[in-house]
Structures are given as structure tokens and as C-alpha cells.
Amino acid sequence: MKTDLTKILSIPGQPGLYRYIAQARNGAVVESLSDGKRSSFGVNSRISSLADISIYTDDGEAKLQDVFLKMKAELGENDAPAAKASSEELKDFFAKALPGYDRDRFYVSHMKKVVAWYNCLKQYASLDFENPDQAEEGGSADKDSTKEE
């Protein structure tokens, strides 16, 4: 089953990742990926879809989905370093997986979130992602391969 990152959410102040279930009167109903518990969060919760998150690179930005795919290529079937790994270990890992990451704007705190999200998706969902452009275009291959970076 493919993972649709537009429906996978990060909620500040809440551990883990959540799957969007439905619109609520004053926010959204979500389900925790790790334990399946449903919760409701208000519109003031600053909920972010993983599809909307990008990582700063020397050439612009890289979508989180692309970063996850590069991490998967680097790691194979292994897990990413733990979020509690040392700063140097995380920097070394991202230097291999995403060599052009912007060292001035992509902080260790961001790296910790990205590896935690990667490991959560690997364990509770799938690292095989849906491509929203393909679904809309009826299977059109590399629509965003020409985007400026």
C-alpha cells in the first residue's frame, strides 16, 4: 500500500505522525500512526502535511518525499539513525543521503525530526509513496522533473 504524504500530518507538541481522517467542525480528526488512536485538533494547532515540508539545499529546496527516497536509497532496509543520535552522526548521515543540504539553515533539530518521521513511516506505513501528480494526470511520468531547484 502506498503512502500519501498529503494525508500524513505532523502536529507540533504531539509525538509521532498522524493520518488525516476527516474534517471536523473546528479542525481535523486524525489517527495516530503508531497506536491508531483518534483525536481531534483545532484550527489553531498548526498542523502540517508532510507533503508541504521541504528541506533547504544549496540549490533551493528539496521536497520531504524526495529526501525520504534518498534516505531509503542510502539505508536500504535499515532504519535511519535514531533521533537521539549525536549531532555529528546525524550530520554525517545527511551528508551522504542529501549531500547538498544547506548547512546554515537545515539544523540538527530538523534532522532529528526527519529521521524520526522516516523511521515512523517505515514502521507504521510505507516508504512507497503515492505521486499526487501522477494520480491527477492519469499516470504522467516526470511532471516535476523540470522544476527549478
N, C-alpha and C. Protein backbone atom coordinates (compact mmCIF):
# COMPACT_ATOMS: atom_id res chain seq x y z
N MET A 1 0.84 -1.19 0.00
CA MET A 1 0.00 0.00 0.00
C MET A 1 0.88 1.25 0.00
N LYS A 2 0.58 2.18 -0.89
CA LYS A 2 1.38 3.38 -0.99
C LYS A 2 0.94 4.41 0.04
N THR A 3 1.92 5.21 0.49
CA THR A 3 1.66 6.26 1.46
C THR A 3 1.45 7.58 0.74
N ASP A 4 0.37 8.27 1.08
CA ASP A 4 0.07 9.58 0.53
C ASP A 4 0.51 10.62 1.56
N LEU A 5 1.63 11.30 1.31
CA LEU A 5 2.17 12.25 2.29
C LEU A 5 1.27 13.47 2.49
N THR A 6 0.31 13.70 1.60
CA THR A 6 -0.62 14.80 1.82
C THR A 6 -1.56 14.49 2.99
N LYS A 7 -1.71 13.22 3.33
CA LYS A 7 -2.60 12.81 4.43
C LYS A 7 -1.83 12.42 5.69
N ILE A 8 -0.51 12.53 5.66
CA ILE A 8 0.30 12.25 6.86
C ILE A 8 0.66 13.60 7.46
N LEU A 9 0.35 13.76 8.75
CA LEU A 9 0.45 15.06 9.40
C LEU A 9 1.41 15.06 10.57
N SER A 10 2.05 16.19 10.76
CA SER A 10 2.87 16.46 11.93
C SER A 10 2.14 17.55 12.72
N ILE A 11 2.02 17.32 14.03
CA ILE A 11 1.32 18.28 14.88
C ILE A 11 2.28 18.72 15.97
N PRO A 12 2.67 20.00 15.97
CA PRO A 12 3.61 20.49 17.00
C PRO A 12 3.11 20.20 18.41
N GLY A 13 4.03 19.73 19.24
CA GLY A 13 3.69 19.41 20.62
C GLY A 13 3.15 18.01 20.81
N GLN A 14 2.95 17.28 19.71
CA GLN A 14 2.44 15.92 19.78
C GLN A 14 3.50 14.97 19.22
N PRO A 15 3.73 13.85 19.88
CA PRO A 15 4.73 12.91 19.38
C PRO A 15 4.21 12.13 18.18
N GLY A 16 5.10 11.74 17.30
CA GLY A 16 4.75 10.87 16.18
C GLY A 16 4.07 11.58 15.03
N LEU A 17 3.50 10.76 14.16
CA LEU A 17 2.81 11.25 12.97
C LEU A 17 1.36 10.79 13.02
N TYR A 18 0.53 11.50 12.27
CA TYR A 18 -0.91 11.24 12.27
C TYR A 18 -1.41 11.14 10.84
N ARG A 19 -2.47 10.33 10.64
CA ARG A 19 -3.13 10.21 9.35
C ARG A 19 -4.41 11.04 9.41
N TYR A 20 -4.63 11.86 8.40
CA TYR A 20 -5.85 12.66 8.31
C TYR A 20 -7.03 11.73 8.06
N ILE A 21 -8.09 11.89 8.87
CA ILE A 21 -9.28 11.06 8.71
C ILE A 21 -10.44 11.87 8.12
N ALA A 22 -10.75 13.00 8.75
CA ALA A 22 -11.89 13.79 8.28
C ALA A 22 -11.80 15.22 8.80
N GLN A 23 -12.58 16.07 8.17
CA GLN A 23 -12.72 17.45 8.62
C GLN A 23 -13.70 17.47 9.79
N ALA A 24 -13.34 18.16 10.85
CA ALA A 24 -14.23 18.36 11.98
C ALA A 24 -14.77 19.79 11.92
N ARG A 25 -15.75 20.09 12.73
CA ARG A 25 -16.35 21.43 12.70
C ARG A 25 -15.30 22.51 12.93
N ASN A 26 -14.39 22.27 13.87
CA ASN A 26 -13.39 23.29 14.22
C ASN A 26 -11.97 22.81 14.01
N GLY A 27 -11.73 21.92 13.06
CA GLY A 27 -10.38 21.42 12.84
C GLY A 27 -10.37 20.13 12.05
N ALA A 28 -9.61 19.16 12.54
CA ALA A 28 -9.46 17.90 11.82
C ALA A 28 -9.47 16.72 12.77
N VAL A 29 -10.00 15.60 12.29
CA VAL A 29 -9.94 14.33 13.02
C VAL A 29 -8.76 13.57 12.43
N VAL A 30 -7.86 13.12 13.30
CA VAL A 30 -6.65 12.42 12.87
C VAL A 30 -6.51 11.11 13.65
N GLU A 31 -5.67 10.22 13.10
CA GLU A 31 -5.40 8.94 13.74
C GLU A 31 -3.90 8.76 13.86
N SER A 32 -3.44 8.42 15.05
CA SER A 32 -2.02 8.21 15.28
C SER A 32 -1.54 7.01 14.46
N LEU A 33 -0.42 7.16 13.77
CA LEU A 33 0.12 6.03 13.01
C LEU A 33 0.58 4.91 13.94
N SER A 34 1.11 5.29 15.10
CA SER A 34 1.71 4.28 15.98
C SER A 34 0.68 3.45 16.76
N ASP A 35 -0.38 4.07 17.25
CA ASP A 35 -1.32 3.28 18.07
C ASP A 35 -2.75 3.29 17.56
N GLY A 36 -3.03 4.02 16.48
CA GLY A 36 -4.36 4.02 15.88
C GLY A 36 -5.41 4.82 16.64
N LYS A 37 -5.02 5.50 17.70
CA LYS A 37 -5.99 6.30 18.46
C LYS A 37 -6.37 7.55 17.67
N ARG A 38 -7.65 7.85 17.70
CA ARG A 38 -8.15 9.03 17.00
C ARG A 38 -8.25 10.21 17.95
N SER A 39 -7.96 11.39 17.39
CA SER A 39 -8.03 12.64 18.15
C SER A 39 -8.56 13.72 17.24
N SER A 40 -8.98 14.80 17.85
CA SER A 40 -9.42 15.97 17.10
C SER A 40 -8.53 17.14 17.49
N PHE A 41 -8.09 17.88 16.49
CA PHE A 41 -7.25 19.05 16.74
C PHE A 41 -7.90 20.26 16.09
N GLY A 42 -7.86 21.38 16.78
CA GLY A 42 -8.47 22.61 16.30
C GLY A 42 -7.66 23.28 15.22
N VAL A 43 -8.27 24.29 14.63
CA VAL A 43 -7.62 25.01 13.53
C VAL A 43 -6.39 25.77 13.99
N ASN A 44 -6.24 26.01 15.28
CA ASN A 44 -5.08 26.73 15.80
C ASN A 44 -3.89 25.83 16.08
N SER A 45 -3.97 24.56 15.73
CA SER A 45 -2.93 23.58 16.07
C SER A 45 -1.71 23.62 15.15
N ARG A 46 -1.73 24.40 14.10
CA ARG A 46 -0.60 24.50 13.16
C ARG A 46 -0.22 23.13 12.59
N ILE A 47 -1.19 22.37 12.17
CA ILE A 47 -0.98 21.05 11.59
C ILE A 47 -0.28 21.21 10.25
N SER A 48 0.74 20.36 10.00
CA SER A 48 1.49 20.40 8.74
C SER A 48 1.43 19.05 8.05
N SER A 49 1.12 19.07 6.78
CA SER A 49 1.18 17.86 5.96
C SER A 49 2.64 17.64 5.57
N LEU A 50 3.10 16.39 5.62
CA LEU A 50 4.49 16.12 5.24
C LEU A 50 4.76 16.48 3.78
N ALA A 51 3.73 16.46 2.95
CA ALA A 51 3.90 16.82 1.53
C ALA A 51 4.26 18.29 1.37
N ASP A 52 3.92 19.12 2.36
CA ASP A 52 4.17 20.55 2.28
C ASP A 52 5.53 20.96 2.85
N ILE A 53 6.29 20.02 3.37
CA ILE A 53 7.56 20.33 4.02
C ILE A 53 8.71 20.11 3.05
N SER A 54 9.63 21.05 3.05
CA SER A 54 10.84 20.97 2.21
C SER A 54 12.07 21.18 3.07
N ILE A 55 13.19 20.69 2.57
CA ILE A 55 14.48 20.83 3.24
C ILE A 55 15.32 21.81 2.42
N TYR A 56 15.95 22.75 3.10
CA TYR A 56 16.82 23.70 2.41
C TYR A 56 18.05 22.97 1.86
N THR A 57 18.35 23.27 0.59
CA THR A 57 19.56 22.73 -0.04
C THR A 57 20.35 23.90 -0.62
N ASP A 58 21.56 23.60 -1.06
CA ASP A 58 22.40 24.64 -1.67
C ASP A 58 21.76 25.17 -2.96
N ASP A 59 20.92 24.36 -3.61
CA ASP A 59 20.30 24.74 -4.87
C ASP A 59 18.86 25.21 -4.72
N GLY A 60 18.36 25.35 -3.50
CA GLY A 60 16.97 25.77 -3.28
C GLY A 60 16.35 24.95 -2.17
N GLU A 61 15.38 24.13 -2.55
CA GLU A 61 14.69 23.27 -1.57
C GLU A 61 14.45 21.91 -2.18
N ALA A 62 14.38 20.89 -1.31
CA ALA A 62 14.05 19.53 -1.72
C ALA A 62 12.81 19.10 -0.95
N LYS A 63 11.81 18.61 -1.66
CA LYS A 63 10.59 18.13 -1.01
C LYS A 63 10.94 16.97 -0.08
N LEU A 64 10.21 16.89 1.02
CA LEU A 64 10.47 15.85 2.01
C LEU A 64 10.35 14.45 1.41
N GLN A 65 9.41 14.25 0.50
CA GLN A 65 9.27 12.95 -0.14
C GLN A 65 10.55 12.57 -0.87
N ASP A 66 11.16 13.52 -1.57
CA ASP A 66 12.41 13.25 -2.29
C ASP A 66 13.54 12.93 -1.30
N VAL A 67 13.55 13.65 -0.18
CA VAL A 67 14.56 13.39 0.85
C VAL A 67 14.39 11.98 1.40
N PHE A 68 13.15 11.57 1.68
CA PHE A 68 12.89 10.22 2.18
C PHE A 68 13.36 9.17 1.18
N LEU A 69 13.14 9.41 -0.10
CA LEU A 69 13.57 8.45 -1.13
C LEU A 69 15.10 8.36 -1.19
N LYS A 70 15.78 9.49 -1.02
CA LYS A 70 17.25 9.47 -0.99
C LYS A 70 17.76 8.76 0.26
N MET A 71 17.06 8.97 1.37
CA MET A 71 17.44 8.27 2.61
C MET A 71 17.26 6.77 2.43
N LYS A 72 16.16 6.37 1.80
CA LYS A 72 15.89 4.95 1.57
C LYS A 72 16.96 4.34 0.67
N ALA A 73 17.38 5.09 -0.35
CA ALA A 73 18.44 4.60 -1.24
C ALA A 73 19.75 4.43 -0.48
N GLU A 74 20.03 5.32 0.45
CA GLU A 74 21.26 5.25 1.25
C GLU A 74 21.19 4.13 2.28
N LEU A 75 20.03 3.94 2.89
CA LEU A 75 19.89 3.00 4.01
C LEU A 75 19.52 1.58 3.60
N GLY A 76 18.90 1.42 2.45
CA GLY A 76 18.38 0.11 2.09
C GLY A 76 17.23 -0.25 3.02
N GLU A 77 17.30 -1.40 3.65
CA GLU A 77 16.25 -1.84 4.57
C GLU A 77 16.52 -1.44 6.02
N ASN A 78 17.63 -0.78 6.29
CA ASN A 78 17.96 -0.38 7.66
C ASN A 78 17.17 0.84 8.08
N ASP A 79 17.06 1.04 9.39
CA ASP A 79 16.44 2.24 9.93
C ASP A 79 17.41 3.41 9.82
N ALA A 80 16.85 4.61 9.83
CA ALA A 80 17.68 5.81 9.89
C ALA A 80 18.27 5.91 11.29
N PRO A 81 19.31 6.72 11.47
CA PRO A 81 19.84 6.90 12.82
C PRO A 81 18.72 7.37 13.75
N ALA A 82 18.81 7.03 15.01
CA ALA A 82 17.80 7.44 15.98
C ALA A 82 17.80 8.95 16.12
N ALA A 83 16.64 9.50 16.48
CA ALA A 83 16.54 10.95 16.67
C ALA A 83 17.43 11.41 17.81
N LYS A 84 17.80 10.50 18.71
CA LYS A 84 18.66 10.86 19.83
C LYS A 84 20.14 10.62 19.53
N ALA A 85 20.45 10.34 18.25
CA ALA A 85 21.84 10.14 17.86
C ALA A 85 22.60 11.46 18.03
N SER A 86 23.92 11.37 18.05
CA SER A 86 24.74 12.57 18.22
C SER A 86 24.60 13.50 17.01
N SER A 87 24.86 14.76 17.23
CA SER A 87 24.80 15.75 16.16
C SER A 87 25.70 15.36 15.00
N GLU A 88 26.91 14.90 15.33
CA GLU A 88 27.86 14.52 14.27
C GLU A 88 27.36 13.34 13.46
N GLU A 89 26.76 12.36 14.13
CA GLU A 89 26.23 11.20 13.41
C GLU A 89 25.12 11.62 12.44
N LEU A 90 24.23 12.51 12.88
CA LEU A 90 23.15 12.99 12.02
C LEU A 90 23.70 13.81 10.85
N LYS A 91 24.65 14.67 11.11
CA LYS A 91 25.25 15.47 10.04
C LYS A 91 25.96 14.58 9.03
N ASP A 92 26.68 13.57 9.51
CA ASP A 92 27.36 12.64 8.61
C ASP A 92 26.36 11.88 7.74
N PHE A 93 25.26 11.45 8.37
CA PHE A 93 24.24 10.72 7.61
C PHE A 93 23.64 11.59 6.51
N PHE A 94 23.26 12.83 6.84
CA PHE A 94 22.66 13.70 5.83
C PHE A 94 23.68 14.13 4.78
N ALA A 95 24.95 14.18 5.14
CA ALA A 95 25.99 14.49 4.14
C ALA A 95 26.03 13.39 3.08
N LYS A 96 25.71 12.15 3.46
CA LYS A 96 25.68 11.04 2.50
C LYS A 96 24.34 10.99 1.75
N ALA A 97 23.24 11.10 2.50
CA ALA A 97 21.91 10.93 1.90
C ALA A 97 21.48 12.16 1.09
N LEU A 98 21.83 13.34 1.55
CA LEU A 98 21.45 14.58 0.88
C LEU A 98 22.67 15.51 0.88
N PRO A 99 23.65 15.21 0.04
CA PRO A 99 24.93 15.92 0.11
C PRO A 99 24.82 17.43 -0.03
N GLY A 100 23.83 17.94 -0.71
CA GLY A 100 23.72 19.38 -0.92
C GLY A 100 22.86 20.10 0.10
N TYR A 101 22.61 19.47 1.26
CA TYR A 101 21.75 20.18 2.22
C TYR A 101 22.45 21.45 2.71
N ASP A 102 21.65 22.47 2.97
CA ASP A 102 22.17 23.77 3.39
C ASP A 102 22.60 23.69 4.85
N ARG A 103 23.89 23.70 5.09
CA ARG A 103 24.43 23.55 6.45
C ARG A 103 24.11 24.74 7.36
N ASP A 104 23.71 25.86 6.78
CA ASP A 104 23.37 27.04 7.59
C ASP A 104 21.91 27.11 7.98
N ARG A 105 21.03 26.42 7.23
CA ARG A 105 19.59 26.55 7.50
C ARG A 105 18.89 25.23 7.84
N PHE A 106 19.54 24.09 7.63
CA PHE A 106 18.96 22.79 7.98
C PHE A 106 19.66 22.32 9.25
N TYR A 107 19.02 22.62 10.39
CA TYR A 107 19.63 22.41 11.70
C TYR A 107 19.52 20.97 12.18
N VAL A 108 20.31 20.63 13.18
CA VAL A 108 20.26 19.30 13.79
C VAL A 108 18.86 19.01 14.32
N SER A 109 18.18 20.01 14.87
CA SER A 109 16.81 19.79 15.36
C SER A 109 15.88 19.36 14.22
N HIS A 110 16.10 19.90 13.02
CA HIS A 110 15.32 19.49 11.85
C HIS A 110 15.68 18.06 11.45
N MET A 111 16.98 17.76 11.50
CA MET A 111 17.44 16.41 11.14
C MET A 111 16.79 15.36 12.05
N LYS A 112 16.70 15.69 13.34
CA LYS A 112 16.09 14.76 14.30
C LYS A 112 14.64 14.48 13.94
N LYS A 113 13.90 15.51 13.54
CA LYS A 113 12.51 15.32 13.13
C LYS A 113 12.43 14.44 11.89
N VAL A 114 13.28 14.73 10.90
CA VAL A 114 13.23 14.00 9.64
C VAL A 114 13.54 12.51 9.85
N VAL A 115 14.56 12.19 10.64
CA VAL A 115 14.87 10.77 10.86
C VAL A 115 13.78 10.09 11.68
N ALA A 116 13.19 10.81 12.63
CA ALA A 116 12.09 10.24 13.42
C ALA A 116 10.88 9.97 12.52
N TRP A 117 10.56 10.92 11.64
CA TRP A 117 9.45 10.72 10.71
C TRP A 117 9.73 9.55 9.76
N TYR A 118 10.95 9.47 9.26
CA TYR A 118 11.33 8.38 8.35
C TYR A 118 11.12 7.03 9.04
N ASN A 119 11.65 6.91 10.25
CA ASN A 119 11.52 5.64 10.97
C ASN A 119 10.06 5.32 11.30
N CYS A 120 9.26 6.33 11.61
CA CYS A 120 7.84 6.13 11.89
C CYS A 120 7.12 5.64 10.64
N LEU A 121 7.38 6.28 9.50
CA LEU A 121 6.76 5.84 8.25
C LEU A 121 7.18 4.42 7.90
N LYS A 122 8.45 4.13 8.08
CA LYS A 122 8.97 2.80 7.77
C LYS A 122 8.29 1.74 8.62
N GLN A 123 8.06 2.05 9.89
CA GLN A 123 7.48 1.07 10.80
C GLN A 123 5.96 0.95 10.68
N TYR A 124 5.26 2.07 10.51
CA TYR A 124 3.80 2.05 10.60
C TYR A 124 3.06 2.30 9.29
N ALA A 125 3.75 2.70 8.25
CA ALA A 125 3.10 2.97 6.97
C ALA A 125 3.92 2.32 5.87
N SER A 126 4.39 3.09 4.93
CA SER A 126 5.20 2.57 3.83
C SER A 126 6.09 3.68 3.30
N LEU A 127 7.25 3.31 2.81
CA LEU A 127 8.15 4.28 2.18
C LEU A 127 7.96 4.26 0.66
N ASP A 128 6.88 3.61 0.22
CA ASP A 128 6.48 3.61 -1.18
C ASP A 128 5.39 4.68 -1.29
N PHE A 129 5.71 5.81 -1.93
CA PHE A 129 4.83 6.97 -1.88
C PHE A 129 3.96 7.10 -3.11
N GLU A 130 2.74 7.60 -2.89
CA GLU A 130 1.87 7.98 -3.99
C GLU A 130 2.41 9.27 -4.58
N ASN A 131 2.30 9.40 -5.87
CA ASN A 131 2.70 10.63 -6.52
C ASN A 131 1.43 11.38 -6.89
N PRO A 132 1.09 12.47 -6.19
CA PRO A 132 -0.16 13.17 -6.47
C PRO A 132 -0.26 13.66 -7.91
N ASP A 133 0.86 14.03 -8.52
CA ASP A 133 0.84 14.49 -9.91
C ASP A 133 0.42 13.38 -10.85
N GLN A 134 0.89 12.16 -10.60
CA GLN A 134 0.53 11.04 -11.45
C GLN A 134 -0.95 10.73 -11.34
N ALA A 135 -1.49 10.78 -10.13
CA ALA A 135 -2.90 10.48 -9.94
C ALA A 135 -3.76 11.50 -10.69
N GLU A 136 -3.40 12.77 -10.64
CA GLU A 136 -4.17 13.81 -11.31
C GLU A 136 -4.00 13.77 -12.82
N GLU A 137 -2.82 13.42 -13.30
CA GLU A 137 -2.53 13.47 -14.72
C GLU A 137 -2.79 12.13 -15.40
N GLY A 138 -3.30 11.16 -14.68
CA GLY A 138 -3.56 9.87 -15.28
C GLY A 138 -2.31 9.10 -15.60
N GLY A 139 -1.27 9.23 -14.76
CA GLY A 139 -0.07 8.44 -14.93
C GLY A 139 1.05 9.14 -15.64
N SER A 140 0.97 10.42 -15.85
CA SER A 140 2.05 11.17 -16.49
C SER A 140 3.34 11.01 -15.69
N ALA A 141 4.41 10.67 -16.36
CA ALA A 141 5.65 10.26 -15.67
C ALA A 141 6.30 11.34 -14.83
N ASP A 142 7.19 12.11 -15.34
CA ASP A 142 8.01 13.01 -14.51
C ASP A 142 7.56 14.46 -14.64
N LYS A 143 6.39 14.79 -14.17
CA LYS A 143 5.86 16.13 -14.32
C LYS A 143 6.76 17.17 -13.67
N ASP A 144 7.23 16.91 -12.45
CA ASP A 144 8.00 17.94 -11.76
C ASP A 144 9.51 17.74 -11.88
N SER A 145 9.95 16.96 -12.85
CA SER A 145 11.39 16.79 -13.02
C SER A 145 12.00 18.04 -13.63
N THR A 146 11.16 18.95 -14.13
CA THR A 146 11.69 20.18 -14.73
C THR A 146 11.63 21.36 -13.80
N LYS A 147 11.17 21.16 -12.56
CA LYS A 147 11.04 22.30 -11.66
C LYS A 147 12.41 22.85 -11.32
N GLU A 148 12.45 24.15 -11.10
CA GLU A 148 13.71 24.80 -10.78
C GLU A 148 14.09 24.51 -9.35
N GLU A 149 15.34 24.23 -9.12
CA GLU A 149 15.80 23.97 -7.76
C GLU A 149 16.90 24.93 -7.42
